[in-house]
């Protein structure tokens, strides 16, 4: 549907139809449950449900493959506004992202999660610190892998590049879509190598079947 002058990146019709999860941090939602027994988290949440066919998939395709950087920033800002009140005294001190391997970054031109995180952080009033982690291994596509296969595929793929930036802090790590959680879990295990780190996990989308 064509956008009107007052609309920003997303038309009013799509805004109404956004498949929001309604998840609130620290309430035992599906994202928190996914990592139970795997990670110690302060909180976790996702903004939209992601299905193989649907609006969230279309938005992510636009963001990743059609250069929709402004769209990513806008969606991240909406997500931040949605959870800000719920975070209150548990507000993270900074936001970072799951990194792309340099080959994929060169091919795409940008990390879509960085765009989302920048809008998310601005909405929350906290810093966005990119490149805390580095993806040292270029892994195959995760799309058709099962949970254990995904974990094996990402284990050891990330390196903590800026330990001084995260030591003793509450870090929110953000990804575009959480499916099994294997990728972001690998990132978290690397982040907690820095002393005194507390972690929260956020994603724009939570994949359901």
N, C-alpha and C. Protein backbone atom coordinates (compact mmCIF):
# COMPACT_ATOMS: atom_id res chain seq x y z
N UNK A 1 0.85 -1.19 0.00
CA UNK A 1 0.00 0.00 0.00
C UNK A 1 0.89 1.24 0.00
N UNK A 2 0.61 2.25 -0.85
CA UNK A 2 1.44 3.45 -0.88
C UNK A 2 1.42 4.18 0.46
N UNK A 3 2.55 4.78 0.82
CA UNK A 3 2.63 5.50 2.09
C UNK A 3 2.17 6.94 1.91
N UNK A 4 1.52 7.45 2.92
CA UNK A 4 1.12 8.84 2.93
C UNK A 4 2.25 9.70 3.49
N UNK A 5 2.14 11.02 3.31
CA UNK A 5 3.23 11.92 3.68
C UNK A 5 3.61 11.79 5.15
N UNK A 6 2.64 11.58 6.03
CA UNK A 6 2.91 11.55 7.47
C UNK A 6 3.52 10.23 7.93
N UNK A 7 3.52 9.23 7.07
CA UNK A 7 4.01 7.92 7.47
C UNK A 7 5.51 7.83 7.34
N UNK A 8 6.12 7.06 8.22
CA UNK A 8 7.58 6.96 8.28
C UNK A 8 8.00 5.51 8.05
N UNK A 9 8.43 5.18 6.82
CA UNK A 9 8.94 3.85 6.46
C UNK A 9 7.87 2.78 6.32
N UNK A 10 6.87 2.80 7.16
CA UNK A 10 5.85 1.75 7.17
C UNK A 10 4.48 2.40 7.04
N UNK A 11 3.66 1.90 6.14
CA UNK A 11 2.33 2.48 5.97
C UNK A 11 1.45 2.17 7.17
N UNK A 12 0.40 2.96 7.31
CA UNK A 12 -0.51 2.81 8.45
C UNK A 12 -1.13 1.42 8.47
N UNK A 13 -1.50 0.90 7.31
CA UNK A 13 -2.09 -0.43 7.22
C UNK A 13 -1.14 -1.47 7.81
N UNK A 14 0.14 -1.40 7.43
CA UNK A 14 1.12 -2.37 7.93
C UNK A 14 1.36 -2.20 9.43
N UNK A 15 1.36 -0.97 9.89
CA UNK A 15 1.53 -0.72 11.33
C UNK A 15 0.43 -1.42 12.12
N UNK A 16 -0.78 -1.33 11.62
CA UNK A 16 -1.92 -1.96 12.29
C UNK A 16 -1.78 -3.48 12.29
N UNK A 17 -1.19 -4.00 11.20
CA UNK A 17 -1.10 -5.44 11.01
C UNK A 17 0.19 -6.06 11.56
N UNK A 18 1.08 -5.26 12.15
CA UNK A 18 2.32 -5.82 12.67
C UNK A 18 2.03 -6.97 13.64
N UNK A 19 2.68 -8.12 13.43
CA UNK A 19 2.41 -9.28 14.29
C UNK A 19 3.19 -9.20 15.61
N UNK A 20 2.84 -8.24 16.44
CA UNK A 20 3.56 -8.02 17.69
C UNK A 20 3.39 -9.20 18.64
N UNK A 21 4.46 -9.53 19.34
CA UNK A 21 4.41 -10.65 20.29
C UNK A 21 3.68 -10.29 21.58
N UNK A 22 3.81 -9.02 21.97
CA UNK A 22 3.28 -8.62 23.28
C UNK A 22 4.15 -9.07 24.43
N UNK A 23 5.34 -9.64 24.12
CA UNK A 23 6.26 -10.07 25.17
C UNK A 23 6.72 -8.87 26.00
N UNK A 24 6.85 -9.07 27.29
CA UNK A 24 7.44 -8.07 28.17
C UNK A 24 8.65 -8.70 28.86
N UNK A 25 9.76 -7.98 28.95
CA UNK A 25 10.93 -8.52 29.64
C UNK A 25 10.59 -8.91 31.07
N UNK A 26 11.28 -9.96 31.55
CA UNK A 26 11.17 -10.41 32.94
C UNK A 26 9.80 -10.99 33.27
N UNK A 27 9.10 -11.53 32.28
CA UNK A 27 7.78 -12.10 32.56
C UNK A 27 7.67 -13.55 32.11
N UNK A 28 8.80 -14.22 31.90
CA UNK A 28 8.76 -15.61 31.52
C UNK A 28 8.21 -15.86 30.14
N UNK A 29 8.47 -14.94 29.21
CA UNK A 29 7.96 -15.10 27.85
C UNK A 29 8.73 -16.20 27.11
N UNK A 30 8.34 -16.46 25.86
CA UNK A 30 8.90 -17.57 25.10
C UNK A 30 10.39 -17.43 24.83
N UNK A 31 10.88 -16.21 24.69
CA UNK A 31 12.32 -16.01 24.46
C UNK A 31 13.10 -16.35 25.73
N UNK A 32 12.64 -15.86 26.87
CA UNK A 32 13.28 -16.21 28.15
C UNK A 32 13.26 -17.73 28.35
N UNK A 33 12.14 -18.35 28.03
CA UNK A 33 12.00 -19.80 28.22
C UNK A 33 12.97 -20.56 27.32
N UNK A 34 13.21 -20.05 26.12
CA UNK A 34 14.12 -20.71 25.18
C UNK A 34 15.52 -20.88 25.77
N UNK A 35 15.97 -19.89 26.56
CA UNK A 35 17.34 -19.92 27.08
C UNK A 35 17.43 -20.42 28.51
N UNK A 36 16.31 -20.85 29.06
CA UNK A 36 16.30 -21.35 30.44
C UNK A 36 17.22 -22.56 30.56
N UNK A 37 18.14 -22.51 31.51
CA UNK A 37 19.11 -23.58 31.70
C UNK A 37 20.29 -23.50 30.76
N UNK A 38 20.26 -22.58 29.82
CA UNK A 38 21.36 -22.40 28.87
C UNK A 38 22.16 -21.14 29.17
N UNK A 39 21.46 -20.10 29.61
CA UNK A 39 22.10 -18.83 29.92
C UNK A 39 21.42 -18.21 31.13
N UNK A 40 22.19 -17.42 31.89
CA UNK A 40 21.61 -16.61 32.96
C UNK A 40 21.36 -15.22 32.39
N UNK A 41 20.09 -14.84 32.30
CA UNK A 41 19.73 -13.58 31.67
C UNK A 41 19.00 -12.66 32.65
N UNK A 42 19.20 -11.37 32.45
CA UNK A 42 18.43 -10.37 33.19
C UNK A 42 17.01 -10.29 32.63
N UNK A 43 16.90 -10.29 31.29
CA UNK A 43 15.61 -10.26 30.63
C UNK A 43 15.78 -10.60 29.16
N UNK A 44 14.66 -10.86 28.50
CA UNK A 44 14.69 -11.19 27.08
C UNK A 44 13.34 -10.85 26.47
N UNK A 45 13.36 -10.47 25.19
CA UNK A 45 12.11 -10.15 24.53
C UNK A 45 12.31 -10.10 23.02
N UNK A 46 11.22 -10.24 22.28
CA UNK A 46 11.19 -10.04 20.83
C UNK A 46 9.97 -9.20 20.49
N UNK A 47 10.07 -8.45 19.41
CA UNK A 47 9.03 -7.49 19.05
C UNK A 47 7.91 -8.11 18.22
N UNK A 48 8.28 -8.92 17.19
CA UNK A 48 7.30 -9.47 16.27
C UNK A 48 7.46 -10.97 16.11
N UNK A 49 6.36 -11.64 15.81
CA UNK A 49 6.42 -13.04 15.39
C UNK A 49 6.85 -13.10 13.93
N UNK A 50 7.75 -14.03 13.63
CA UNK A 50 8.24 -14.22 12.26
C UNK A 50 7.74 -15.56 11.75
N UNK A 51 7.00 -15.52 10.65
CA UNK A 51 6.53 -16.73 10.00
C UNK A 51 7.11 -16.80 8.58
N UNK A 52 7.07 -17.99 8.00
CA UNK A 52 7.61 -18.16 6.65
C UNK A 52 6.91 -17.28 5.64
N UNK A 53 5.64 -17.03 5.88
CA UNK A 53 4.88 -16.10 5.05
C UNK A 53 4.20 -15.11 5.98
N UNK A 54 4.39 -13.84 5.71
CA UNK A 54 3.76 -12.84 6.56
C UNK A 54 4.47 -11.51 6.50
N UNK A 55 3.91 -10.55 7.20
CA UNK A 55 4.40 -9.18 7.15
C UNK A 55 5.81 -9.06 7.71
N UNK A 56 6.10 -9.73 8.83
CA UNK A 56 7.44 -9.62 9.42
C UNK A 56 8.50 -10.13 8.45
N UNK A 57 8.21 -11.22 7.77
CA UNK A 57 9.15 -11.75 6.78
C UNK A 57 9.37 -10.73 5.65
N UNK A 58 8.29 -10.12 5.18
CA UNK A 58 8.39 -9.13 4.10
C UNK A 58 9.24 -7.93 4.54
N UNK A 59 9.03 -7.48 5.78
CA UNK A 59 9.79 -6.35 6.30
C UNK A 59 11.27 -6.70 6.43
N UNK A 60 11.56 -7.91 6.92
CA UNK A 60 12.96 -8.32 7.06
C UNK A 60 13.62 -8.48 5.69
N UNK A 61 12.89 -8.96 4.71
CA UNK A 61 13.44 -9.08 3.36
C UNK A 61 13.78 -7.70 2.80
N UNK A 62 12.88 -6.76 3.01
CA UNK A 62 13.13 -5.38 2.56
C UNK A 62 14.35 -4.80 3.24
N UNK A 63 14.48 -5.04 4.53
CA UNK A 63 15.60 -4.53 5.30
C UNK A 63 16.93 -5.14 4.86
N UNK A 64 16.96 -6.44 4.71
CA UNK A 64 18.22 -7.14 4.45
C UNK A 64 18.68 -7.06 3.00
N UNK A 65 17.72 -7.13 2.07
CA UNK A 65 18.10 -7.31 0.67
C UNK A 65 17.79 -6.12 -0.23
N UNK A 66 17.01 -5.18 0.26
CA UNK A 66 16.69 -4.01 -0.54
C UNK A 66 17.22 -2.72 0.08
N UNK A 67 18.22 -2.88 0.96
CA UNK A 67 18.89 -1.71 1.52
C UNK A 67 18.03 -0.85 2.42
N UNK A 68 17.09 -1.47 3.14
CA UNK A 68 16.17 -0.71 3.98
C UNK A 68 16.75 -0.31 5.32
N UNK A 69 17.84 0.43 5.32
CA UNK A 69 18.50 0.77 6.58
C UNK A 69 17.62 1.66 7.45
N UNK A 70 16.93 2.62 6.83
CA UNK A 70 16.04 3.50 7.59
C UNK A 70 14.90 2.70 8.21
N UNK A 71 14.43 1.71 7.48
CA UNK A 71 13.38 0.84 8.00
C UNK A 71 13.86 0.10 9.24
N UNK A 72 15.09 -0.42 9.23
CA UNK A 72 15.64 -1.10 10.39
C UNK A 72 15.72 -0.20 11.61
N UNK A 73 16.20 1.02 11.40
CA UNK A 73 16.31 1.99 12.49
C UNK A 73 14.92 2.30 13.07
N UNK A 74 13.96 2.48 12.18
CA UNK A 74 12.60 2.82 12.61
C UNK A 74 11.97 1.68 13.40
N UNK A 75 12.12 0.45 12.91
CA UNK A 75 11.57 -0.71 13.63
C UNK A 75 12.24 -0.90 14.98
N UNK A 76 13.56 -0.69 15.02
CA UNK A 76 14.27 -0.78 16.29
C UNK A 76 13.78 0.25 17.29
N UNK A 77 13.50 1.46 16.80
CA UNK A 77 12.96 2.51 17.67
C UNK A 77 11.59 2.15 18.21
N UNK A 78 10.77 1.55 17.35
CA UNK A 78 9.45 1.12 17.80
C UNK A 78 9.56 0.04 18.87
N UNK A 79 10.49 -0.88 18.67
CA UNK A 79 10.71 -1.95 19.64
C UNK A 79 11.16 -1.38 20.98
N UNK A 80 12.12 -0.45 20.94
CA UNK A 80 12.60 0.17 22.17
C UNK A 80 11.49 0.88 22.93
N UNK A 81 10.66 1.63 22.19
CA UNK A 81 9.54 2.34 22.82
C UNK A 81 8.57 1.36 23.45
N UNK A 82 8.42 0.20 22.82
CA UNK A 82 7.47 -0.80 23.29
C UNK A 82 7.89 -1.43 24.62
N UNK A 83 9.22 -1.58 24.84
CA UNK A 83 9.67 -2.27 26.06
C UNK A 83 10.23 -1.33 27.12
N UNK A 84 10.37 -0.05 26.79
CA UNK A 84 11.05 0.90 27.68
C UNK A 84 10.43 0.93 29.07
N UNK A 85 9.12 1.01 29.12
CA UNK A 85 8.45 1.11 30.41
C UNK A 85 8.65 -0.16 31.23
N UNK A 86 8.71 -1.30 30.56
CA UNK A 86 8.87 -2.58 31.25
C UNK A 86 10.26 -2.75 31.85
N UNK A 87 11.26 -2.11 31.22
CA UNK A 87 12.64 -2.29 31.69
C UNK A 87 12.90 -1.54 33.00
N UNK A 88 12.49 -0.30 33.05
CA UNK A 88 12.61 0.55 34.24
C UNK A 88 13.95 0.37 34.95
N UNK A 89 13.95 -0.22 36.15
CA UNK A 89 15.19 -0.33 36.95
C UNK A 89 16.14 -1.38 36.41
N UNK A 90 15.73 -2.12 35.40
CA UNK A 90 16.57 -3.18 34.82
C UNK A 90 17.12 -2.77 33.45
N UNK A 91 17.20 -1.47 33.22
CA UNK A 91 17.66 -0.97 31.94
C UNK A 91 19.11 -1.38 31.66
N UNK A 92 19.39 -1.98 30.51
CA UNK A 92 20.79 -2.28 30.15
C UNK A 92 21.61 -0.99 30.05
N UNK A 93 22.91 -1.14 30.16
CA UNK A 93 23.80 0.03 30.06
C UNK A 93 24.26 0.29 28.64
N UNK A 94 24.13 -0.70 27.77
CA UNK A 94 24.52 -0.52 26.38
C UNK A 94 23.90 -1.62 25.54
N UNK A 95 23.88 -1.39 24.23
CA UNK A 95 23.37 -2.38 23.27
C UNK A 95 24.49 -2.73 22.30
N UNK A 96 24.63 -4.02 22.01
CA UNK A 96 25.52 -4.46 20.94
C UNK A 96 24.78 -5.50 20.11
N UNK A 97 25.44 -6.01 19.07
CA UNK A 97 24.74 -6.86 18.12
C UNK A 97 25.51 -8.13 17.79
N UNK A 98 24.80 -9.07 17.19
CA UNK A 98 25.42 -10.24 16.59
C UNK A 98 26.09 -9.79 15.29
N UNK A 99 27.40 -9.99 15.17
CA UNK A 99 28.10 -9.48 13.99
C UNK A 99 27.95 -10.38 12.76
N UNK A 100 28.11 -9.77 11.60
CA UNK A 100 28.21 -10.53 10.35
C UNK A 100 29.68 -10.82 10.07
N UNK A 101 29.95 -11.90 9.36
CA UNK A 101 31.31 -12.13 8.87
C UNK A 101 31.62 -11.07 7.81
N UNK A 102 32.88 -10.70 7.71
CA UNK A 102 33.26 -9.61 6.81
C UNK A 102 32.87 -9.88 5.36
N UNK A 103 32.85 -11.16 4.95
CA UNK A 103 32.46 -11.48 3.57
C UNK A 103 30.99 -11.12 3.33
N UNK A 104 30.15 -11.49 4.29
CA UNK A 104 28.73 -11.17 4.16
C UNK A 104 28.49 -9.67 4.31
N UNK A 105 29.27 -9.03 5.18
CA UNK A 105 29.15 -7.59 5.37
C UNK A 105 29.51 -6.84 4.10
N UNK A 106 30.57 -7.28 3.43
CA UNK A 106 30.97 -6.65 2.17
C UNK A 106 29.92 -6.86 1.08
N UNK A 107 29.34 -8.05 1.06
CA UNK A 107 28.34 -8.36 0.05
C UNK A 107 27.06 -7.55 0.26
N UNK A 108 26.63 -7.42 1.52
CA UNK A 108 25.37 -6.74 1.81
C UNK A 108 25.58 -5.23 1.98
N UNK A 109 26.74 -4.84 2.46
CA UNK A 109 27.03 -3.42 2.65
C UNK A 109 26.75 -2.90 4.04
N UNK A 110 26.00 -3.64 4.83
CA UNK A 110 25.69 -3.22 6.20
C UNK A 110 25.17 -4.42 6.98
N UNK A 111 25.24 -4.31 8.30
CA UNK A 111 24.66 -5.32 9.19
C UNK A 111 23.27 -4.85 9.59
N UNK A 112 22.26 -5.58 9.16
CA UNK A 112 20.88 -5.16 9.44
C UNK A 112 20.62 -5.06 10.94
N UNK A 113 21.28 -5.89 11.74
CA UNK A 113 21.07 -5.83 13.19
C UNK A 113 21.62 -4.54 13.78
N UNK A 114 22.67 -3.98 13.16
CA UNK A 114 23.20 -2.70 13.63
C UNK A 114 22.17 -1.59 13.46
N UNK A 115 21.47 -1.60 12.34
CA UNK A 115 20.46 -0.57 12.09
C UNK A 115 19.33 -0.67 13.12
N UNK A 116 18.88 -1.90 13.37
CA UNK A 116 17.82 -2.12 14.36
C UNK A 116 18.29 -1.68 15.74
N UNK A 117 19.53 -2.09 16.10
CA UNK A 117 20.06 -1.78 17.43
C UNK A 117 20.25 -0.29 17.64
N UNK A 118 20.65 0.43 16.58
CA UNK A 118 20.84 1.88 16.71
C UNK A 118 19.52 2.57 17.06
N UNK A 119 18.44 2.16 16.40
CA UNK A 119 17.13 2.73 16.72
C UNK A 119 16.64 2.30 18.09
N UNK A 120 16.88 1.04 18.43
CA UNK A 120 16.49 0.49 19.73
C UNK A 120 17.19 1.25 20.86
N UNK A 121 18.51 1.42 20.73
CA UNK A 121 19.30 2.10 21.76
C UNK A 121 18.88 3.56 21.91
N UNK A 122 18.66 4.23 20.79
CA UNK A 122 18.25 5.64 20.85
C UNK A 122 16.93 5.79 21.57
N UNK A 123 16.00 4.89 21.29
CA UNK A 123 14.70 4.95 21.93
C UNK A 123 14.80 4.74 23.44
N UNK A 124 15.75 3.89 23.86
CA UNK A 124 15.94 3.62 25.29
C UNK A 124 16.84 4.65 25.97
N UNK A 125 17.55 5.46 25.18
CA UNK A 125 18.45 6.46 25.75
C UNK A 125 19.74 5.88 26.28
N UNK A 126 20.21 4.78 25.66
CA UNK A 126 21.48 4.16 26.06
C UNK A 126 22.38 4.03 24.84
N UNK A 127 23.70 3.85 25.04
CA UNK A 127 24.61 3.79 23.89
C UNK A 127 24.48 2.50 23.08
N UNK A 128 24.66 2.64 21.79
CA UNK A 128 24.83 1.48 20.92
C UNK A 128 26.32 1.36 20.62
N UNK A 129 26.90 0.21 20.96
CA UNK A 129 28.33 -0.01 20.77
C UNK A 129 28.51 -1.18 19.80
N UNK A 130 28.76 -0.91 18.52
CA UNK A 130 28.95 -1.99 17.55
C UNK A 130 30.33 -2.61 17.68
N UNK A 131 30.51 -3.73 17.02
CA UNK A 131 31.83 -4.37 16.89
C UNK A 131 32.44 -4.79 18.22
N UNK A 132 31.62 -5.04 19.22
CA UNK A 132 32.13 -5.62 20.47
C UNK A 132 32.61 -7.04 20.20
N UNK A 133 31.85 -7.74 19.36
CA UNK A 133 32.19 -9.10 18.95
C UNK A 133 32.62 -9.11 17.49
N UNK A 134 33.40 -10.09 17.13
CA UNK A 134 33.79 -10.30 15.74
C UNK A 134 33.44 -11.73 15.36
N UNK A 135 32.87 -11.89 14.18
CA UNK A 135 32.59 -13.24 13.68
C UNK A 135 33.85 -13.73 12.97
N UNK A 136 34.54 -14.66 13.61
CA UNK A 136 35.84 -15.12 13.10
C UNK A 136 35.71 -16.21 12.07
N UNK A 137 34.56 -16.91 12.08
CA UNK A 137 34.35 -18.04 11.17
C UNK A 137 33.12 -17.76 10.33
N UNK A 138 33.24 -17.93 9.02
CA UNK A 138 32.11 -17.75 8.13
C UNK A 138 31.31 -19.05 8.10
N UNK A 139 30.14 -19.06 8.75
CA UNK A 139 29.33 -20.27 8.84
C UNK A 139 28.35 -20.37 7.68
N UNK A 140 27.93 -21.59 7.39
CA UNK A 140 26.91 -21.80 6.37
C UNK A 140 25.57 -21.26 6.85
N UNK A 141 24.65 -21.13 5.92
CA UNK A 141 23.31 -20.67 6.27
C UNK A 141 22.69 -21.57 7.33
N UNK A 142 22.00 -20.92 8.29
CA UNK A 142 21.37 -21.65 9.39
C UNK A 142 19.93 -22.04 9.08
N UNK A 143 19.41 -21.57 7.98
CA UNK A 143 17.97 -21.61 7.73
C UNK A 143 17.35 -22.99 7.91
N UNK A 144 17.99 -24.03 7.37
CA UNK A 144 17.37 -25.35 7.39
C UNK A 144 18.00 -26.28 8.42
N UNK A 145 18.79 -25.73 9.31
CA UNK A 145 19.44 -26.57 10.32
C UNK A 145 18.56 -26.73 11.55
N UNK A 146 18.68 -27.87 12.20
CA UNK A 146 18.00 -28.09 13.47
C UNK A 146 18.82 -27.47 14.59
N UNK A 147 18.22 -27.45 15.78
CA UNK A 147 18.81 -26.70 16.89
C UNK A 147 20.24 -27.14 17.22
N UNK A 148 20.47 -28.44 17.38
CA UNK A 148 21.81 -28.90 17.73
C UNK A 148 22.79 -28.61 16.61
N UNK A 149 22.34 -28.80 15.36
CA UNK A 149 23.20 -28.50 14.21
C UNK A 149 23.58 -27.03 14.18
N UNK A 150 22.62 -26.16 14.50
CA UNK A 150 22.90 -24.72 14.53
C UNK A 150 23.93 -24.40 15.61
N UNK A 151 23.78 -25.04 16.76
CA UNK A 151 24.73 -24.79 17.85
C UNK A 151 26.13 -25.22 17.43
N UNK A 152 26.25 -26.40 16.80
CA UNK A 152 27.55 -26.86 16.33
C UNK A 152 28.12 -25.92 15.27
N UNK A 153 27.25 -25.41 14.42
CA UNK A 153 27.68 -24.56 13.32
C UNK A 153 28.21 -23.21 13.80
N UNK A 154 27.73 -22.74 14.96
CA UNK A 154 28.14 -21.42 15.45
C UNK A 154 29.12 -21.48 16.61
N UNK A 155 29.28 -22.64 17.23
CA UNK A 155 30.18 -22.75 18.39
C UNK A 155 31.60 -22.36 18.00
N UNK A 156 32.15 -21.42 18.74
CA UNK A 156 33.51 -20.96 18.47
C UNK A 156 33.63 -19.99 17.32
N UNK A 157 32.48 -19.51 16.80
CA UNK A 157 32.51 -18.61 15.64
C UNK A 157 32.80 -17.17 16.00
N UNK A 158 32.66 -16.81 17.29
CA UNK A 158 32.74 -15.40 17.69
C UNK A 158 33.92 -15.15 18.63
N UNK A 159 34.45 -13.94 18.52
CA UNK A 159 35.58 -13.52 19.35
C UNK A 159 35.23 -12.20 20.01
N UNK A 160 35.49 -12.08 21.31
CA UNK A 160 35.26 -10.84 22.04
C UNK A 160 36.35 -9.85 21.67
N UNK A 161 35.99 -8.86 20.91
CA UNK A 161 36.93 -7.90 20.34
C UNK A 161 37.22 -6.74 21.29
N UNK A 162 36.21 -6.37 22.11
CA UNK A 162 36.35 -5.21 23.00
C UNK A 162 35.97 -5.59 24.44
N UNK A 163 36.77 -6.41 25.12
CA UNK A 163 36.42 -6.78 26.50
C UNK A 163 36.34 -5.59 27.44
N UNK A 164 37.15 -4.56 27.15
CA UNK A 164 37.14 -3.38 28.01
C UNK A 164 35.84 -2.60 27.91
N UNK A 165 35.10 -2.78 26.82
CA UNK A 165 33.85 -2.05 26.63
C UNK A 165 32.69 -2.67 27.40
N UNK A 166 32.82 -3.95 27.80
CA UNK A 166 31.68 -4.65 28.39
C UNK A 166 31.90 -5.11 29.82
N UNK A 167 33.13 -5.13 30.29
CA UNK A 167 33.42 -5.61 31.64
C UNK A 167 32.61 -4.90 32.71
N UNK A 168 31.93 -5.68 33.57
CA UNK A 168 31.17 -5.13 34.67
C UNK A 168 29.87 -4.46 34.27
N UNK A 169 29.42 -4.62 33.03
CA UNK A 169 28.23 -3.92 32.55
C UNK A 169 27.08 -4.88 32.24
N UNK A 170 25.91 -4.30 32.22
CA UNK A 170 24.71 -5.01 31.79
C UNK A 170 24.56 -4.75 30.29
N UNK A 171 24.73 -5.80 29.49
CA UNK A 171 24.75 -5.69 28.04
C UNK A 171 23.48 -6.26 27.45
N UNK A 172 22.85 -5.50 26.58
CA UNK A 172 21.76 -6.02 25.76
C UNK A 172 22.35 -6.42 24.42
N UNK A 173 22.23 -7.67 24.04
CA UNK A 173 22.68 -8.11 22.73
C UNK A 173 21.45 -8.35 21.86
N UNK A 174 21.50 -7.80 20.66
CA UNK A 174 20.32 -7.79 19.79
C UNK A 174 20.62 -8.48 18.47
N UNK A 175 19.64 -9.25 17.98
CA UNK A 175 19.72 -9.87 16.67
C UNK A 175 18.44 -9.57 15.91
N UNK A 176 18.47 -9.82 14.60
CA UNK A 176 17.26 -9.54 13.82
C UNK A 176 16.17 -10.58 14.06
N UNK A 177 16.53 -11.87 13.93
CA UNK A 177 15.55 -12.94 14.12
C UNK A 177 16.15 -14.03 15.00
N UNK A 178 15.41 -14.44 16.02
CA UNK A 178 15.79 -15.60 16.83
C UNK A 178 14.96 -16.79 16.38
N UNK A 179 15.64 -17.87 15.99
CA UNK A 179 14.95 -19.09 15.60
C UNK A 179 15.14 -20.16 16.67
N UNK A 180 16.35 -20.70 16.77
CA UNK A 180 16.66 -21.65 17.86
C UNK A 180 17.43 -20.97 18.99
N UNK A 181 18.00 -19.80 18.70
CA UNK A 181 18.80 -19.09 19.70
C UNK A 181 20.26 -19.48 19.71
N UNK A 182 20.66 -20.41 18.82
CA UNK A 182 22.03 -20.92 18.85
C UNK A 182 23.07 -19.84 18.57
N UNK A 183 22.80 -18.98 17.61
CA UNK A 183 23.78 -17.94 17.25
C UNK A 183 23.98 -16.95 18.37
N UNK A 184 22.89 -16.44 18.90
CA UNK A 184 23.00 -15.44 19.95
C UNK A 184 23.52 -16.06 21.25
N UNK A 185 23.24 -17.34 21.46
CA UNK A 185 23.79 -18.03 22.63
C UNK A 185 25.32 -18.11 22.53
N UNK A 186 25.84 -18.40 21.35
CA UNK A 186 27.29 -18.44 21.15
C UNK A 186 27.92 -17.08 21.44
N UNK A 187 27.24 -16.02 21.01
CA UNK A 187 27.71 -14.66 21.30
C UNK A 187 27.74 -14.39 22.80
N UNK A 188 26.70 -14.82 23.48
CA UNK A 188 26.62 -14.59 24.93
C UNK A 188 27.73 -15.31 25.68
N UNK A 189 28.04 -16.54 25.27
CA UNK A 189 29.12 -17.27 25.94
C UNK A 189 30.46 -16.56 25.77
N UNK A 190 30.62 -15.89 24.66
CA UNK A 190 31.85 -15.12 24.45
C UNK A 190 31.84 -13.84 25.27
N UNK A 191 30.69 -13.17 25.36
CA UNK A 191 30.59 -11.92 26.13
C UNK A 191 30.87 -12.14 27.62
N UNK A 192 30.41 -13.26 28.17
CA UNK A 192 30.59 -13.47 29.61
C UNK A 192 32.02 -13.86 29.98
N UNK A 193 32.88 -13.93 28.98
CA UNK A 193 34.30 -14.08 29.29
C UNK A 193 34.84 -12.83 29.95
N UNK A 194 34.22 -11.69 29.68
CA UNK A 194 34.59 -10.44 30.37
C UNK A 194 34.00 -10.47 31.78
N UNK A 195 34.76 -10.02 32.73
CA UNK A 195 34.37 -10.12 34.15
C UNK A 195 33.15 -9.25 34.45
N UNK A 196 32.23 -9.84 35.20
CA UNK A 196 31.10 -9.08 35.74
C UNK A 196 30.02 -8.71 34.75
N UNK A 197 29.96 -9.36 33.61
CA UNK A 197 28.97 -9.03 32.59
C UNK A 197 27.60 -9.61 32.96
N UNK A 198 26.57 -8.80 32.80
CA UNK A 198 25.18 -9.26 32.87
C UNK A 198 24.58 -9.14 31.48
N UNK A 199 23.70 -10.06 31.13
CA UNK A 199 23.20 -10.12 29.77
C UNK A 199 21.68 -10.06 29.69
N UNK A 200 21.22 -9.35 28.66
CA UNK A 200 19.83 -9.42 28.24
C UNK A 200 19.83 -9.67 26.74
N UNK A 201 18.82 -10.37 26.26
CA UNK A 201 18.70 -10.72 24.84
C UNK A 201 17.43 -10.10 24.26
N UNK A 202 17.60 -9.47 23.12
CA UNK A 202 16.46 -8.90 22.40
C UNK A 202 16.58 -9.24 20.92
N UNK A 203 15.45 -9.41 20.28
CA UNK A 203 15.45 -9.59 18.83
C UNK A 203 14.22 -8.90 18.25
N UNK A 204 14.37 -8.43 17.03
CA UNK A 204 13.22 -7.81 16.38
C UNK A 204 12.14 -8.85 16.13
N UNK A 205 12.56 -10.06 15.75
CA UNK A 205 11.60 -11.11 15.43
C UNK A 205 11.88 -12.40 16.18
N UNK A 206 10.81 -13.13 16.45
CA UNK A 206 10.90 -14.46 17.06
C UNK A 206 10.20 -15.42 16.12
N UNK A 207 10.97 -16.38 15.60
CA UNK A 207 10.44 -17.29 14.58
C UNK A 207 9.55 -18.37 15.18
N UNK A 208 8.40 -18.55 14.58
CA UNK A 208 7.50 -19.63 14.98
C UNK A 208 7.12 -20.42 13.73
N UNK A 209 6.70 -21.66 13.95
CA UNK A 209 6.39 -22.54 12.81
C UNK A 209 4.90 -22.78 12.72
